Protein backbone atom coordinates (compact mmCIF):
# COMPACT_ATOMS: atom_id res chain seq x y z
CA MET A 1 149.08 -210.58 3.42
CA LYS A 2 148.84 -208.42 0.31
CA ILE A 3 145.34 -207.30 1.29
CA ILE A 4 146.55 -206.20 4.72
CA ALA A 5 149.50 -204.30 3.21
CA VAL A 6 147.29 -202.57 0.62
CA SER A 7 144.69 -201.74 3.29
CA PHE A 8 147.41 -200.30 5.52
CA LEU A 9 148.78 -198.13 2.71
CA LEU A 10 145.29 -196.94 1.81
CA VAL A 11 144.51 -195.97 5.42
CA LEU A 12 147.92 -194.31 5.78
CA GLY A 13 147.30 -192.34 2.59
CA ILE A 14 143.90 -191.12 3.75
CA PHE A 15 145.05 -190.14 7.24
CA GLY A 16 148.39 -188.84 6.02
CA ASN A 17 146.65 -186.30 3.80
CA GLY A 18 144.06 -185.40 6.41
CA CYS A 19 141.22 -183.35 5.01
CA ALA A 20 143.39 -181.77 2.32
CA GLU A 21 141.35 -183.51 -0.35
CA PHE A 22 138.20 -181.71 0.81
CA ARG A 23 139.44 -178.13 0.91
CA SER A 24 140.67 -175.49 -1.47
CA THR A 25 143.61 -173.62 -0.03
CA ASP A 26 145.82 -170.95 -1.40
CA GLN A 27 147.89 -171.06 1.77
CA PRO A 28 147.48 -172.52 5.24
CA SER A 29 145.31 -170.35 7.46
CA ASP A 30 147.09 -168.77 10.36
CA ALA A 31 147.74 -165.22 11.44
CA THR A 32 150.77 -164.82 9.19
CA THR A 33 149.47 -166.38 5.98
CA GLY A 34 146.37 -166.32 3.85
CA PRO A 35 142.85 -167.66 4.20
CA THR A 36 141.53 -171.19 3.71
CA PHE A 37 138.33 -172.02 1.85
CA PHE A 38 136.78 -175.14 3.41
CA LEU A 39 133.30 -176.57 2.75
CA GLY A 40 131.97 -173.27 1.38
CA GLU A 41 133.40 -171.14 4.17
CA LEU A 42 136.40 -168.81 3.98
CA ARG A 43 138.44 -168.93 7.20
CA HIS A 44 141.23 -166.65 8.27
CA THR A 45 142.93 -165.85 11.56
CA GLU A 46 143.85 -162.19 11.89
CA ILE A 47 146.15 -160.61 14.47
CA THR A 48 143.60 -158.27 16.03
CA THR A 49 141.21 -158.11 18.94
CA ILE A 50 137.64 -159.24 18.45
CA GLU A 51 136.38 -155.69 19.10
CA ARG A 52 138.53 -154.25 16.33
CA ALA A 53 137.49 -157.06 13.99
CA TRP A 54 133.83 -156.44 14.83
CA ARG A 55 134.15 -152.75 13.92
CA GLY A 56 136.09 -153.69 10.78
CA VAL A 57 133.35 -156.08 9.62
CA HIS A 58 130.65 -153.42 10.02
CA ALA A 59 132.74 -150.81 8.19
CA ALA A 60 133.53 -153.27 5.36
CA LEU A 61 129.89 -154.24 4.93
CA LYS A 62 128.95 -150.57 4.76
CA ASP A 63 131.62 -149.96 2.10
CA LEU A 64 130.31 -152.90 0.05
CA ASN A 65 126.66 -151.74 0.40
CA TYR A 66 125.51 -154.72 2.45
CA ARG A 67 122.54 -154.30 4.76
CA VAL A 68 122.97 -155.94 8.17
CA LYS A 69 119.96 -158.17 8.92
CA SER A 70 121.11 -159.38 12.31
CA ASN A 71 124.11 -159.36 14.58
CA GLU A 72 124.88 -161.04 17.87
CA HIS A 73 128.01 -160.32 19.83
CA ASP A 74 129.53 -161.13 23.21
CA LEU A 75 133.06 -160.93 24.59
CA LEU A 76 134.41 -163.99 22.77
CA GLN A 77 132.44 -164.34 19.54
CA GLY A 78 129.94 -162.71 17.24
CA THR A 79 127.86 -163.42 14.15
CA ILE A 80 126.65 -160.97 11.52
CA ILE A 81 124.16 -161.80 8.77
CA ALA A 82 124.03 -159.28 5.95
CA VAL A 83 122.32 -159.12 2.56
CA GLU A 84 123.11 -157.40 -0.72
CA SER A 85 121.09 -157.87 -3.92
CA GLY A 86 119.26 -160.80 -2.36
CA HIS A 87 122.43 -162.69 -1.44
CA ASP A 88 122.97 -163.53 2.24
CA VAL A 89 126.40 -163.44 3.83
CA LYS A 90 127.17 -164.86 7.26
CA ILE A 91 130.29 -163.67 9.06
CA HIS A 92 131.36 -165.32 12.30
CA LEU A 93 134.12 -163.93 14.50
CA GLU A 94 135.71 -165.88 17.31
CA GLU A 95 138.49 -164.80 19.64
CA THR A 96 141.21 -167.46 19.53
CA SER A 97 143.51 -165.54 21.90
CA PRO A 98 143.51 -162.02 23.34
CA THR A 99 145.37 -160.82 20.23
CA THR A 100 143.96 -163.04 17.45
CA THR A 101 140.50 -163.46 15.97
CA GLU A 102 139.26 -166.10 13.55
CA ILE A 103 137.07 -164.70 10.78
CA ARG A 104 134.73 -167.11 8.96
CA ILE A 105 132.71 -165.95 5.96
CA ARG A 106 130.02 -167.85 4.07
CA ALA A 107 128.57 -166.05 1.05
CA GLY A 108 125.36 -167.65 -0.17
CA THR A 109 124.06 -171.09 0.63
CA LEU A 110 126.88 -173.09 -0.93
CA GLY A 111 129.65 -170.56 -0.35
CA ASP A 112 130.88 -168.18 -3.05
CA LYS A 113 134.66 -168.01 -2.72
CA ALA A 114 135.07 -164.82 -4.79
CA VAL A 115 132.48 -162.87 -2.79
CA ALA A 116 133.90 -164.14 0.51
CA ARG A 117 137.41 -163.05 -0.54
CA GLU A 118 136.12 -159.61 -1.51
CA ILE A 119 134.52 -159.20 1.91
CA LEU A 120 137.63 -160.45 3.73
CA THR A 121 139.81 -158.00 1.79
CA ALA A 122 137.49 -155.13 2.80
CA ILE A 123 137.52 -156.28 6.44
CA ARG A 124 141.31 -156.49 6.52
CA LYS A 125 141.56 -152.97 5.05
CA HIS A 126 139.59 -151.64 8.04
CA ILE A 127 141.42 -153.71 10.64
CA ARG A 128 144.91 -152.58 9.67
C-alpha cells in the first residue's frame, strides 16, 4: 500500500508541476506579461498583427546589424533566418489570433537567452 501511495504522490508531483522543471521563466508568456525561455527558444506573445510583427523583425535585425539569409512568409506565419558574426538566429512568427502574434527566437544552436532577449527587445521597440 505504501508503494502505491508513494507512486501516486510522485506522479501527482510530476504532473502537478507540468513542464515547469524544464523551462526558465521570468514570467508566464502571454500578451500582457513577459517572455518564456523554453528548450533554447525565447517565446513571447505580442498584441500586434503578424504583418506589423514581420516589419518589426526586419527593422530590428537591421538595427542590430544582422544579415537576413532567408525568410518565408504567408498570411498566418513566417520564419526568418539571420546571421551576425557567424551566429545564426531563427525567428518564427505565428498569428495566434487576428490581434496577437507569437514570436519565437532561437539564437545559435543551443539557444542563447541573452541574445534572444536583445533581439526581442529590439523587435518590441519597432512594434510599439
